[in-house]
C-alpha cells in the first residue's frame, strides 16, 4: 500500500476539504513516530535499516512511498489523519473517537513489531 492508496482510502471513508499536503504531513508524523518507537529500538535487517535511513531523512513523501505499517496495520495512518481532520474541524467527539482508534491501531502494530523483531538489548532485561 502506498501513500496515494492511503489518501484515496481516507477521502472515501471521510470526505473532507483538508488540503492534501496537510494529510501527507500527518502521515510523515506517524512515520517519524514509528521510526523512533519501533525501528530505532530493535535489531533490523539490511532492508529495514535502509527504510529507517529513508524515514530519518524524510521531510516530505511522494505518492508511491510505501509506509512502514502495511495492511492490515495501515489503519493507524487512516485513524491519525482522520483525527487531525476532526481536530481541524473542531469536532471533538469525532477527534476523541479517531484518537482512540489510532491508539489501538498503534498498539496493535507495536505488538506485531515486537513479536517479529528482537530488541537492541537482545531480549535481555535491562538493569538500572
Foldseek 3Di string as FASTA:
>chain_A
DWQLVLVVVLCVVPPDDDDPQVLQQQLLVVLVVCLVPFVVFFDDDPVSVVVSVCSVPDPTDDRGHDGPQDPPLVVLSSLRSQLVRCVVVVNVVSNVVSVVVNVVSVVVVRVVRPVVTAGPVRVDDDDD
